[in-house]
Amino acid sequence: MSDDVNYNSGKRPEWVDSDLFPFESKWIDVDGHLMHYVDEGPQSAPVVLFLHPGAGWSFTYRYHIQRLRDQFRCVAPDLPGYGLSKTSGGYGFTLLEQGRVLGSFVKALDLKNIVVWANDSGGPTGVLGLAEDSDRVTALVVGGTFGWSIKEYPSVSRMLRLVTNRFARFANRYTNFLARSMGSKLALGTRTLSQKERRHYLLPFKDRNTRSRTLKLYGSFNDPATQRELNRCLPAFHSKPILIQFGEGDPMTGQRWHERWAKEFPDHLVFLLPGVRHFTFEGAPEATVRNFIQWWHEIGEQNPAPNPRYMGPFRESPVRTAQNQ
């Protein structure tokens, strides 16, 4: 079994299960990085741009893509060094770099009318990458993430220093614990992944030399220049509608970051998801899709056609449950 991507033939590694990930894989050169991405659905439809969590890749959003691709153009990149993407020399895996590459990716595909959908590091990546092109963005969907400087959250800063120190890097190099966490109840909540699903998070980090990447990314959250840039960029999105979906058991909910998003964005809808922890969209794929469809319908009714972000009634008729309100 080959674990390498054959870019010349357009084939992905054999461990990618087409039943679990039934999408065409595409690659594009962006700023010297060979990036893998999924692009499913009508090309003229509103774009849902899925930004994966630190140790994840486009696989994280497999359920969402399958459910939404009839009505939306679903684009899910693997950011450089994650999933099936490769990096060019000299890349440092910092948040600022990742944001710049995302901005270049969006321009390369000329994506417009975008709903930015983000979890974990995807939130600040989207803020940094798209602030200068915020006219391309129609709305945001966030869960278990942030978009501002964490300097005012000292307990979070301390935690990041702890989990990215040299002892944590050493432990992760030999245990791959960050990738393993993507399939754990500690990170997901009550949902359990199959063994095959968990392998899809482990195998991109089979090479021990790749396992420090996510920790470098998380460590860069404490970088003062990065924090200043986040605070500069976030206001570019304040007028956009936002759907906020946080797990009730997420430590970020404990920081009241769902309330911070609501404060930053006047046009908001908030769901707290019972039994869900940090990796919101892997932890509650069905509920987060239902909530999105309902919200999208509502903002379309508030802004009637010819508003391009509304495509008419959906085939499903989701109901907001009292538990998720």
C-alpha atoms as a PDB file:
ATOM      1  CA  MET A   1       0.000   0.000   0.000  1.00  0.00           C
ATOM      2  CA  SER A   2       1.354   3.374  -0.966  1.00  0.00           C
ATOM      3  CA  ASP A   3       1.098   6.219   1.555  1.00  0.00           C
ATOM      4  CA  ASP A   4       2.217   8.892  -0.898  1.00  0.00           C
ATOM      5  CA  VAL A   5       0.133  11.060  -3.169  1.00  0.00           C
ATOM      6  CA  ASN A   6       0.856  10.587  -6.856  1.00  0.00           C
ATOM      7  CA  TYR A   7       0.265  14.167  -7.977  1.00  0.00           C
ATOM      8  CA  ASN A   8       1.270  13.520 -11.571  1.00  0.00           C
ATOM      9  CA  SER A   9      -1.431  10.889 -12.027  1.00  0.00           C
ATOM     10  CA  GLY A  10      -4.012  12.732  -9.922  1.00  0.00           C
ATOM     11  CA  LYS A  11      -4.282   9.792  -7.539  1.00  0.00           C
ATOM     12  CA  ARG A  12      -4.491  10.091  -3.796  1.00  0.00           C
ATOM     13  CA  PRO A  13      -3.046   7.569  -1.322  1.00  0.00           C
ATOM     14  CA  GLU A  14      -4.734   4.196  -1.058  1.00  0.00           C
ATOM     15  CA  TRP A  15      -5.635   4.730   2.592  1.00  0.00           C
ATOM     16  CA  VAL A  16      -8.188   7.384   1.594  1.00  0.00           C
ATOM     17  CA  ASP A  17     -11.468   5.456   1.659  1.00  0.00           C
ATOM     18  CA  SER A  18     -13.725   6.562  -1.199  1.00  0.00           C
ATOM     19  CA  ASP A  19     -16.788   5.402   0.719  1.00  0.00           C
ATOM     20  CA  LEU A  20     -15.942   7.777   3.564  1.00  0.00           C
ATOM     21  CA  PHE A  21     -14.581  10.533   1.320  1.00  0.00           C
ATOM     22  CA  PRO A  22     -16.577  10.227  -1.949  1.00  0.00           C
ATOM     23  CA  PHE A  23     -15.247  13.357  -3.619  1.00  0.00           C
ATOM     24  CA  GLU A  24     -12.942  14.159  -6.492  1.00  0.00           C
ATOM     25  CA  SER A  25      -9.531  15.271  -5.249  1.00  0.00           C
ATOM     26  CA  LYS A  26      -8.056  18.347  -6.908  1.00  0.00           C
ATOM     27  CA  TRP A  27      -4.664  20.024  -6.554  1.00  0.00           C
ATOM     28  CA  ILE A  28      -3.454  23.541  -7.199  1.00  0.00           C
ATOM     29  CA  ASP A  29      -0.126  25.330  -6.794  1.00  0.00           C
ATOM     30  CA  VAL A  30      -0.572  28.244  -4.377  1.00  0.00           C
ATOM     31  CA  ASP A  31       2.449  30.352  -3.446  1.00  0.00           C
ATOM     32  CA  GLY A  32       4.663  27.349  -4.179  1.00  0.00           C
ATOM     33  CA  HIS A  33       2.596  24.937  -2.056  1.00  0.00           C
ATOM     34  CA  LEU A  34       0.859  22.022  -3.736  1.00  0.00           C
ATOM     35  CA  MET A  35      -2.574  22.196  -2.144  1.00  0.00           C
ATOM     36  CA  HIS A  36      -5.214  19.484  -2.191  1.00  0.00           C
ATOM     37  CA  TYR A  37      -8.838  20.557  -2.113  1.00  0.00           C
ATOM     38  CA  VAL A  38     -12.407  19.424  -2.720  1.00  0.00           C
ATOM     39  CA  ASP A  39     -14.728  21.453  -4.951  1.00  0.00           C
ATOM     40  CA  GLU A  40     -18.227  19.983  -5.155  1.00  0.00           C
ATOM     41  CA  GLY A  41     -21.565  21.421  -6.248  1.00  0.00           C
ATOM     42  CA  PRO A  42     -22.824  23.978  -8.795  1.00  0.00           C
ATOM     43  CA  GLN A  43     -20.110  26.440  -9.779  1.00  0.00           C
ATOM     44  CA  SER A  44     -22.617  29.312  -9.824  1.00  0.00           C
ATOM     45  CA  ALA A  45     -24.008  28.592  -6.340  1.00  0.00           C
ATOM     46  CA  PRO A  46     -22.984  30.390  -3.125  1.00  0.00           C
ATOM     47  CA  VAL A  47     -19.644  29.045  -1.916  1.00  0.00           C
ATOM     48  CA  VAL A  48     -19.238  27.348   1.441  1.00  0.00           C
ATOM     49  CA  LEU A  49     -15.523  27.529   2.233  1.00  0.00           C
ATOM     50  CA  PHE A  50     -14.714  24.917   4.874  1.00  0.00           C
ATOM     51  CA  LEU A  51     -11.614  25.676   6.968  1.00  0.00           C
ATOM     52  CA  HIS A  52     -10.379  22.652   8.879  1.00  0.00           C
ATOM     53  CA  PRO A  53      -9.110  22.531  12.484  1.00  0.00           C
ATOM     54  CA  GLY A  54      -5.402  22.408  13.225  1.00  0.00           C
ATOM     55  CA  ALA A  55      -4.856  18.661  13.108  1.00  0.00           C
ATOM     56  CA  GLY A  56      -7.628  18.050  10.589  1.00  0.00           C
ATOM     57  CA  TRP A  57      -8.093  18.333   6.828  1.00  0.00           C
ATOM     58  CA  SER A  58     -10.949  18.455   4.332  1.00  0.00           C
ATOM     59  CA  PHE A  59     -12.026  15.020   5.590  1.00  0.00           C
ATOM     60  CA  THR A  60     -13.446  16.779   8.685  1.00  0.00           C
ATOM     61  CA  TYR A  61     -16.303  18.177   6.589  1.00  0.00           C
ATOM     62  CA  ARG A  62     -17.219  15.053   4.619  1.00  0.00           C
ATOM     63  CA  TYR A  63     -20.759  14.911   6.022  1.00  0.00           C
ATOM     64  CA  HIS A  64     -21.400  18.619   5.431  1.00  0.00           C
ATOM     65  CA  ILE A  65     -20.201  18.477   1.837  1.00  0.00           C
ATOM     66  CA  GLN A  66     -22.392  15.498   1.010  1.00  0.00           C
ATOM     67  CA  ARG A  67     -25.479  17.169   2.482  1.00  0.00           C
ATOM     68  CA  LEU A  68     -24.925  20.657   1.059  1.00  0.00           C
ATOM     69  CA  ARG A  69     -23.386  20.130  -2.375  1.00  0.00           C
ATOM     70  CA  ASP A  70     -26.748  20.023  -4.165  1.00  0.00           C
ATOM     71  CA  GLN A  71     -27.435  23.620  -3.122  1.00  0.00           C
ATOM     72  CA  PHE A  72     -23.960  25.074  -2.567  1.00  0.00           C
ATOM     73  CA  ARG A  73     -20.514  25.022  -4.091  1.00  0.00           C
ATOM     74  CA  CYS A  74     -18.590  23.319  -1.302  1.00  0.00           C
ATOM     75  CA  VAL A  75     -14.857  24.094  -1.305  1.00  0.00           C
ATOM     76  CA  ALA A  76     -12.624  22.491   1.319  1.00  0.00           C
ATOM     77  CA  PRO A  77      -8.846  23.036   1.068  1.00  0.00           C
ATOM     78  CA  ASP A  78      -6.158  21.170   2.943  1.00  0.00           C
ATOM     79  CA  LEU A  79      -3.973  23.993   4.180  1.00  0.00           C
ATOM     80  CA  PRO A  80      -0.226  23.557   3.512  1.00  0.00           C
ATOM     81  CA  GLY A  81       1.247  20.590   5.351  1.00  0.00           C
ATOM     82  CA  TYR A  82      -2.100  19.055   6.323  1.00  0.00           C
ATOM     83  CA  GLY A  83      -4.152  16.267   4.807  1.00  0.00           C
ATOM     84  CA  LEU A  84      -2.934  15.640   1.273  1.00  0.00           C
ATOM     85  CA  SER A  85      -1.258  19.021   0.744  1.00  0.00           C
ATOM     86  CA  LYS A  86       2.474  19.647   0.511  1.00  0.00           C
ATOM     87  CA  THR A  87       4.536  22.685   1.502  1.00  0.00           C
ATOM     88  CA  SER A  88       7.328  24.537  -0.201  1.00  0.00           C
ATOM     89  CA  GLY A  89      10.678  25.063   1.505  1.00  0.00           C
ATOM     90  CA  GLY A  90      10.934  27.604   4.284  1.00  0.00           C
ATOM     91  CA  TYR A  91       7.308  27.437   5.383  1.00  0.00           C
ATOM     92  CA  GLY A  92       7.014  27.928   9.152  1.00  0.00           C
ATOM     93  CA  PHE A  93       3.437  26.702   9.828  1.00  0.00           C
ATOM     94  CA  THR A  94       2.444  29.932  11.575  1.00  0.00           C
ATOM     95  CA  LEU A  95      -1.004  31.466  11.619  1.00  0.00           C
ATOM     96  CA  LEU A  96       0.091  34.520   9.619  1.00  0.00           C
ATOM     97  CA  GLU A  97       1.553  32.312   6.893  1.00  0.00           C
ATOM     98  CA  GLN A  98      -1.513  30.098   6.817  1.00  0.00           C
ATOM     99  CA  GLY A  99      -3.776  33.127   6.474  1.00  0.00           C
ATOM    100  CA  ARG A 100      -1.754  34.478   3.551  1.00  0.00           C
ATOM    101  CA  VAL A 101      -1.912  31.145   1.727  1.00  0.00           C
ATOM    102  CA  LEU A 102      -5.666  30.950   2.243  1.00  0.00           C
ATOM    103  CA  GLY A 103      -6.065  34.415   0.741  1.00  0.00           C
ATOM    104  CA  SER A 104      -4.011  33.364  -2.284  1.00  0.00           C
ATOM    105  CA  PHE A 105      -6.051  30.165  -2.640  1.00  0.00           C
ATOM    106  CA  VAL A 106      -9.331  32.108  -2.691  1.00  0.00           C
ATOM    107  CA  LYS A 107      -7.958  34.490  -5.302  1.00  0.00           C
ATOM    108  CA  ALA A 108      -6.576  31.647  -7.408  1.00  0.00           C
ATOM    109  CA  LEU A 109     -10.037  30.060  -7.607  1.00  0.00           C
ATOM    110  CA  ASP A 110     -11.682  33.512  -7.747  1.00  0.00           C
ATOM    111  CA  LEU A 111     -14.191  32.489  -5.091  1.00  0.00           C
ATOM    112  CA  LYS A 112     -17.004  34.952  -4.392  1.00  0.00           C
ATOM    113  CA  ASN A 113     -20.254  34.984  -2.401  1.00  0.00           C
ATOM    114  CA  ILE A 114     -18.461  32.947   0.278  1.00  0.00           C
ATOM    115  CA  VAL A 115     -19.791  31.538   3.518  1.00  0.00           C
ATOM    116  CA  VAL A 116     -16.653  31.014   5.623  1.00  0.00           C
ATOM    117  CA  TRP A 117     -17.141  27.903   7.798  1.00  0.00           C
ATOM    118  CA  ALA A 118     -14.475  27.462  10.468  1.00  0.00           C
ATOM    119  CA  ASN A 119     -13.505  25.446  13.542  1.00  0.00           C
ATOM    120  CA  ASP A 120     -10.449  25.688  15.817  1.00  0.00           C
ATOM    121  CA  SER A 121      -7.577  27.410  13.948  1.00  0.00           C
ATOM    122  CA  GLY A 122      -9.856  27.896  10.932  1.00  0.00           C
ATOM    123  CA  GLY A 123     -11.444  30.981  12.502  1.00  0.00           C
ATOM    124  CA  PRO A 124      -8.332  33.158  12.806  1.00  0.00           C
ATOM    125  CA  THR A 125      -7.026  31.756   9.518  1.00  0.00           C
ATOM    126  CA  GLY A 126     -10.139  32.981   7.751  1.00  0.00           C
ATOM    127  CA  VAL A 127     -10.033  36.381   9.452  1.00  0.00           C
ATOM    128  CA  LEU A 128      -6.394  36.948   8.505  1.00  0.00           C
ATOM    129  CA  GLY A 129      -6.678  35.498   5.025  1.00  0.00           C
ATOM    130  CA  LEU A 130      -9.820  37.238   3.833  1.00  0.00           C
ATOM    131  CA  ALA A 131      -9.903  40.621   5.606  1.00  0.00           C
ATOM    132  CA  GLU A 132      -8.369  42.430   2.633  1.00  0.00           C
ATOM    133  CA  ASP A 133     -10.910  40.731   0.362  1.00  0.00           C
ATOM    134  CA  SER A 134     -13.900  40.802   2.706  1.00  0.00           C
ATOM    135  CA  ASP A 135     -16.231  41.800  -0.150  1.00  0.00           C
ATOM    136  CA  ARG A 136     -15.932  38.191  -1.290  1.00  0.00           C
ATOM    137  CA  VAL A 137     -17.470  37.039   2.001  1.00  0.00           C
ATOM    138  CA  THR A 138     -21.254  36.885   2.445  1.00  0.00           C
ATOM    139  CA  ALA A 139     -21.498  35.258   5.886  1.00  0.00           C
ATOM    140  CA  LEU A 140     -19.673  33.201   8.500  1.00  0.00           C
ATOM    141  CA  VAL A 141     -20.282  29.960  10.376  1.00  0.00           C
ATOM    142  CA  VAL A 142     -18.060  29.400  13.415  1.00  0.00           C
ATOM    143  CA  GLY A 143     -17.709  26.777  16.098  1.00  0.00           C
ATOM    144  CA  GLY A 144     -15.008  26.202  18.707  1.00  0.00           C
ATOM    145  CA  THR A 145     -12.859  29.016  17.364  1.00  0.00           C
ATOM    146  CA  PHE A 146     -11.856  32.670  17.733  1.00  0.00           C
ATOM    147  CA  GLY A 147     -10.982  35.619  15.520  1.00  0.00           C
ATOM    148  CA  TRP A 148      -9.232  38.074  17.840  1.00  0.00           C
ATOM    149  CA  SER A 149      -6.106  38.456  19.953  1.00  0.00           C
ATOM    150  CA  ILE A 150      -5.988  35.979  22.815  1.00  0.00           C
ATOM    151  CA  LYS A 151      -3.810  38.340  24.856  1.00  0.00           C
ATOM    152  CA  GLU A 152      -6.813  39.266  27.013  1.00  0.00           C
ATOM    153  CA  TYR A 153      -7.347  35.580  27.825  1.00  0.00           C
ATOM    154  CA  PRO A 154      -4.285  34.778  29.981  1.00  0.00           C
ATOM    155  CA  SER A 155      -5.451  31.277  30.899  1.00  0.00           C
ATOM    156  CA  VAL A 156      -5.660  30.385  27.196  1.00  0.00           C
ATOM    157  CA  SER A 157      -2.217  31.854  26.544  1.00  0.00           C
ATOM    158  CA  ARG A 158      -0.761  29.824  29.404  1.00  0.00           C
ATOM    159  CA  MET A 159      -2.425  26.658  28.155  1.00  0.00           C
ATOM    160  CA  LEU A 160      -1.011  27.203  24.667  1.00  0.00           C
ATOM    161  CA  ARG A 161       2.496  27.695  26.061  1.00  0.00           C
ATOM    162  CA  LEU A 162       2.092  24.457  27.997  1.00  0.00           C
ATOM    163  CA  VAL A 163       0.839  22.311  25.108  1.00  0.00           C
ATOM    164  CA  THR A 164       3.436  23.667  22.662  1.00  0.00           C
ATOM    165  CA  ASN A 165       6.544  23.477  24.865  1.00  0.00           C
ATOM    166  CA  ARG A 166       9.428  21.151  24.024  1.00  0.00           C
ATOM    167  CA  PHE A 167       8.124  18.354  26.249  1.00  0.00           C
ATOM    168  CA  ALA A 168       4.751  18.410  24.508  1.00  0.00           C
ATOM    169  CA  ARG A 169       6.476  18.460  21.113  1.00  0.00           C
ATOM    170  CA  PHE A 170       8.556  15.445  22.108  1.00  0.00           C
ATOM    171  CA  ALA A 171       5.497  13.556  23.356  1.00  0.00           C
ATOM    172  CA  ASN A 172       3.491  14.359  20.243  1.00  0.00           C
ATOM    173  CA  ARG A 173       6.342  13.279  17.981  1.00  0.00           C
ATOM    174  CA  TYR A 174       6.221   9.751  19.405  1.00  0.00           C
ATOM    175  CA  THR A 175       2.509   9.401  20.227  1.00  0.00           C
ATOM    176  CA  ASN A 176       0.759  11.518  17.557  1.00  0.00           C
ATOM    177  CA  PHE A 177      -1.627  12.576  20.338  1.00  0.00           C
ATOM    178  CA  LEU A 178      -2.920  15.685  18.532  1.00  0.00           C
ATOM    179  CA  ALA A 179      -4.099  13.684  15.542  1.00  0.00           C
ATOM    180  CA  ARG A 180      -5.498  11.023  17.878  1.00  0.00           C
ATOM    181  CA  SER A 181      -7.488  13.695  19.703  1.00  0.00           C
ATOM    182  CA  MET A 182      -9.515  14.367  16.558  1.00  0.00           C
ATOM    183  CA  GLY A 183     -11.304  11.069  17.120  1.00  0.00           C
ATOM    184  CA  SER A 184     -11.489  11.097  20.907  1.00  0.00           C
ATOM    185  CA  LYS A 185     -14.536  11.678  23.083  1.00  0.00           C
ATOM    186  CA  LEU A 186     -12.424  14.181  25.023  1.00  0.00           C
ATOM    187  CA  ALA A 187     -12.443  16.408  21.935  1.00  0.00           C
ATOM    188  CA  LEU A 188     -15.715  15.378  20.261  1.00  0.00           C
ATOM    189  CA  GLY A 189     -18.091  14.730  23.135  1.00  0.00           C
ATOM    190  CA  THR A 190     -20.558  11.870  22.910  1.00  0.00           C
ATOM    191  CA  ARG A 191     -19.947  11.011  19.242  1.00  0.00           C
ATOM    192  CA  THR A 192     -17.615   8.116  18.454  1.00  0.00           C
ATOM    193  CA  LEU A 193     -15.651   7.730  15.220  1.00  0.00           C
ATOM    194  CA  SER A 194     -15.064   4.379  13.584  1.00  0.00           C
ATOM    195  CA  GLN A 195     -11.574   2.923  13.372  1.00  0.00           C
ATOM    196  CA  LYS A 196     -11.484   3.781   9.658  1.00  0.00           C
ATOM    197  CA  GLU A 197     -12.418   7.388  10.367  1.00  0.00           C
ATOM    198  CA  ARG A 198      -9.756   7.717  13.045  1.00  0.00           C
ATOM    199  CA  ARG A 199      -7.124   6.370  10.630  1.00  0.00           C
ATOM    200  CA  HIS A 200      -7.917   9.247   8.279  1.00  0.00           C
ATOM    201  CA  TYR A 201      -6.686  11.634  10.953  1.00  0.00           C
ATOM    202  CA  LEU A 202      -3.637   9.606  11.926  1.00  0.00           C
ATOM    203  CA  LEU A 203      -2.145   8.722   8.552  1.00  0.00           C
ATOM    204  CA  PRO A 204      -1.493  12.274   7.300  1.00  0.00           C
ATOM    205  CA  PHE A 205       0.941  12.444  10.248  1.00  0.00           C
ATOM    206  CA  LYS A 206       2.474   9.007   9.800  1.00  0.00           C
ATOM    207  CA  ASP A 207       5.883  10.638   9.328  1.00  0.00           C
ATOM    208  CA  ARG A 208       7.050  11.791  12.774  1.00  0.00           C
ATOM    209  CA  ASN A 209       8.683  14.847  11.229  1.00  0.00           C
ATOM    210  CA  THR A 210       5.247  16.210  10.295  1.00  0.00           C
ATOM    211  CA  ARG A 211       3.787  16.065  13.795  1.00  0.00           C
ATOM    212  CA  SER A 212       5.155  19.369  15.070  1.00  0.00           C
ATOM    213  CA  ARG A 213       3.225  21.376  12.483  1.00  0.00           C
ATOM    214  CA  THR A 214       0.014  21.830  14.446  1.00  0.00           C
ATOM    215  CA  LEU A 215       1.937  22.721  17.601  1.00  0.00           C
ATOM    216  CA  LYS A 216       3.885  25.377  15.694  1.00  0.00           C
ATOM    217  CA  LEU A 217       0.573  26.758  14.483  1.00  0.00           C
ATOM    218  CA  TYR A 218      -0.916  26.834  17.978  1.00  0.00           C
ATOM    219  CA  GLY A 219       2.249  28.369  19.394  1.00  0.00           C
ATOM    220  CA  SER A 220       1.977  31.240  16.922  1.00  0.00           C
ATOM    221  CA  PHE A 221      -1.364  32.280  18.434  1.00  0.00           C
ATOM    222  CA  ASN A 222       0.667  33.959  21.192  1.00  0.00           C
ATOM    223  CA  ASP A 223       2.798  35.927  18.735  1.00  0.00           C
ATOM    224  CA  PRO A 224       2.261  39.684  19.403  1.00  0.00           C
ATOM    225  CA  ALA A 225       2.317  40.610  15.700  1.00  0.00           C
ATOM    226  CA  THR A 226      -0.288  37.950  14.978  1.00  0.00           C
ATOM    227  CA  GLN A 227      -2.490  39.214  17.810  1.00  0.00           C
ATOM    228  CA  ARG A 228      -2.290  42.791  16.547  1.00  0.00           C
ATOM    229  CA  GLU A 229      -3.143  41.685  13.027  1.00  0.00           C
ATOM    230  CA  LEU A 230      -6.197  39.744  14.184  1.00  0.00           C
ATOM    231  CA  ASN A 231      -7.550  42.779  16.016  1.00  0.00           C
ATOM    232  CA  ARG A 232      -6.936  44.887  12.920  1.00  0.00           C
ATOM    233  CA  CYS A 233      -8.627  42.437  10.549  1.00  0.00           C
ATOM    234  CA  LEU A 234     -11.732  41.298  12.426  1.00  0.00           C
ATOM    235  CA  PRO A 235     -13.740  44.554  11.983  1.00  0.00           C
ATOM    236  CA  ALA A 236     -13.757  43.968   8.216  1.00  0.00           C
ATOM    237  CA  PHE A 237     -16.413  41.286   8.811  1.00  0.00           C
ATOM    238  CA  HIS A 238     -18.595  42.937  11.472  1.00  0.00           C
ATOM    239  CA  SER A 239     -21.473  43.684   9.087  1.00  0.00           C
ATOM    240  CA  LYS A 240     -21.756  40.039   7.963  1.00  0.00           C
ATOM    241  CA  PRO A 241     -24.378  37.650   9.353  1.00  0.00           C
ATOM    242  CA  ILE A 242     -22.878  34.889  11.448  1.00  0.00           C
ATOM    243  CA  LEU A 243     -24.055  31.490  12.665  1.00  0.00           C
ATOM    244  CA  ILE A 244     -22.353  30.556  15.944  1.00  0.00           C
ATOM    245  CA  GLN A 245     -22.389  26.862  16.877  1.00  0.00           C
ATOM    246  CA  PHE A 246     -20.391  25.904  19.967  1.00  0.00           C
ATOM    247  CA  GLY A 247     -20.347  22.671  21.926  1.00  0.00           C
ATOM    248  CA  GLU A 248     -21.615  22.994  25.478  1.00  0.00           C
ATOM    249  CA  GLY A 249     -18.569  21.049  26.661  1.00  0.00           C
ATOM    250  CA  ASP A 250     -16.011  23.041  24.679  1.00  0.00           C
ATOM    251  CA  PRO A 251     -13.405  24.849  26.811  1.00  0.00           C
ATOM    252  CA  MET A 252     -13.873  27.798  24.426  1.00  0.00           C
ATOM    253  CA  THR A 253     -17.506  27.932  25.511  1.00  0.00           C
ATOM    254  CA  GLY A 254     -16.157  28.151  29.038  1.00  0.00           C
ATOM    255  CA  GLN A 255     -14.226  31.220  27.889  1.00  0.00           C
ATOM    256  CA  ARG A 256     -17.568  32.575  26.620  1.00  0.00           C
ATOM    257  CA  TRP A 257     -16.205  32.922  23.130  1.00  0.00           C
ATOM    258  CA  HIS A 258     -19.619  32.218  21.631  1.00  0.00           C
ATOM    259  CA  GLU A 259     -20.746  35.404  23.388  1.00  0.00           C
ATOM    260  CA  ARG A 260     -17.698  37.263  22.104  1.00  0.00           C
ATOM    261  CA  TRP A 261     -18.619  36.338  18.508  1.00  0.00           C
ATOM    262  CA  ALA A 262     -22.182  37.517  19.142  1.00  0.00           C
ATOM    263  CA  LYS A 263     -20.907  40.805  20.551  1.00  0.00           C
ATOM    264  CA  GLU A 264     -18.622  41.359  17.547  1.00  0.00           C
ATOM    265  CA  PHE A 265     -21.362  40.532  15.010  1.00  0.00           C
ATOM    266  CA  PRO A 266     -24.769  42.188  15.571  1.00  0.00           C
ATOM    267  CA  ASP A 267     -26.475  39.942  12.983  1.00  0.00           C
ATOM    268  CA  HIS A 268     -25.993  36.603  14.735  1.00  0.00           C
ATOM    269  CA  LEU A 269     -27.682  33.363  15.700  1.00  0.00           C
ATOM    270  CA  VAL A 270     -26.203  31.197  18.465  1.00  0.00           C
ATOM    271  CA  PHE A 271     -26.611  27.469  19.081  1.00  0.00           C
ATOM    272  CA  LEU A 272     -25.073  25.635  22.026  1.00  0.00           C
ATOM    273  CA  LEU A 273     -24.843  21.943  21.192  1.00  0.00           C
ATOM    274  CA  PRO A 274     -25.402  19.469  24.045  1.00  0.00           C
ATOM    275  CA  GLY A 275     -22.952  16.581  24.302  1.00  0.00           C
ATOM    276  CA  VAL A 276     -20.431  18.309  22.000  1.00  0.00           C
ATOM    277  CA  ARG A 277     -16.945  19.454  22.890  1.00  0.00           C
ATOM    278  CA  HIS A 278     -14.266  21.268  20.872  1.00  0.00           C
ATOM    279  CA  PHE A 279     -14.304  19.857  17.346  1.00  0.00           C
ATOM    280  CA  THR A 280     -17.839  21.072  16.771  1.00  0.00           C
ATOM    281  CA  PHE A 281     -18.510  19.906  13.244  1.00  0.00           C
ATOM    282  CA  GLU A 282     -16.986  16.450  13.644  1.00  0.00           C
ATOM    283  CA  GLY A 283     -18.756  16.181  16.972  1.00  0.00           C
ATOM    284  CA  ALA A 284     -22.237  17.117  15.682  1.00  0.00           C
ATOM    285  CA  PRO A 285     -22.351  16.967  11.882  1.00  0.00           C
ATOM    286  CA  GLU A 286     -26.100  16.375  11.531  1.00  0.00           C
ATOM    287  CA  ALA A 287     -27.155  19.110  13.970  1.00  0.00           C
ATOM    288  CA  THR A 288     -24.764  21.696  12.544  1.00  0.00           C
ATOM    289  CA  VAL A 289     -26.066  21.109   9.008  1.00  0.00           C
ATOM    290  CA  ARG A 290     -29.689  21.380  10.178  1.00  0.00           C
ATOM    291  CA  ASN A 291     -28.940  24.597  12.025  1.00  0.00           C
ATOM    292  CA  PHE A 292     -27.160  26.024   9.006  1.00  0.00           C
ATOM    293  CA  ILE A 293     -30.012  25.270   6.611  1.00  0.00           C
ATOM    294  CA  GLN A 294     -32.527  26.861   8.943  1.00  0.00           C
ATOM    295  CA  TRP A 295     -30.359  29.949   9.462  1.00  0.00           C
ATOM    296  CA  TRP A 296     -29.644  30.332   5.752  1.00  0.00           C
ATOM    297  CA  HIS A 297     -33.352  30.238   5.024  1.00  0.00           C
ATOM    298  CA  GLU A 298     -33.982  32.871   7.704  1.00  0.00           C
ATOM    299  CA  ILE A 299     -31.366  35.337   6.489  1.00  0.00           C
ATOM    300  CA  GLY A 300     -32.713  34.907   2.973  1.00  0.00           C
ATOM    301  CA  GLU A 301     -36.194  35.823   4.159  1.00  0.00           C
ATOM    302  CA  GLN A 302     -34.788  38.889   5.903  1.00  0.00           C
ATOM    303  CA  ASN A 303     -33.029  39.895   2.673  1.00  0.00           C
ATOM    304  CA  PRO A 304     -35.405  38.799  -0.104  1.00  0.00           C
ATOM    305  CA  ALA A 305     -34.370  38.069  -3.696  1.00  0.00           C
ATOM    306  CA  PRO A 306     -32.502  39.184  -5.714  1.00  0.00           C
ATOM    307  CA  ASN A 307     -30.161  38.716  -2.730  1.00  0.00           C
ATOM    308  CA  PRO A 308     -27.626  36.243  -4.202  1.00  0.00           C
ATOM    309  CA  ARG A 309     -27.035  34.438  -0.923  1.00  0.00           C
ATOM    310  CA  TYR A 310     -30.591  33.074  -0.820  1.00  0.00           C
ATOM    311  CA  MET A 311     -31.517  30.266  -3.193  1.00  0.00           C
ATOM    312  CA  GLY A 312     -35.135  29.655  -2.203  1.00  0.00           C
ATOM    313  CA  PRO A 313     -36.657  26.980   0.033  1.00  0.00           C
ATOM    314  CA  PHE A 314     -34.559  23.966   0.892  1.00  0.00           C
ATOM    315  CA  ARG A 315     -35.626  20.392   0.426  1.00  0.00           C
ATOM    316  CA  GLU A 316     -35.327  19.765   4.144  1.00  0.00           C
ATOM    317  CA  SER A 317     -37.483  21.525   6.723  1.00  0.00           C
ATOM    318  CA  PRO A 318     -35.296  21.514   9.833  1.00  0.00           C
ATOM    319  CA  VAL A 319     -36.739  22.441  13.201  1.00  0.00           C
ATOM    320  CA  ARG A 320     -34.698  24.182  15.875  1.00  0.00           C
ATOM    321  CA  THR A 321     -34.835  22.009  18.980  1.00  0.00           C
ATOM    322  CA  ALA A 322     -35.141  23.535  22.408  1.00  0.00           C
ATOM    323  CA  GLN A 323     -31.912  21.787  23.390  1.00  0.00           C
ATOM    324  CA  ASN A 324     -29.948  23.707  20.767  1.00  0.00           C
ATOM    325  CA  GLN A 325     -31.436  27.121  21.372  1.00  0.00           C
END
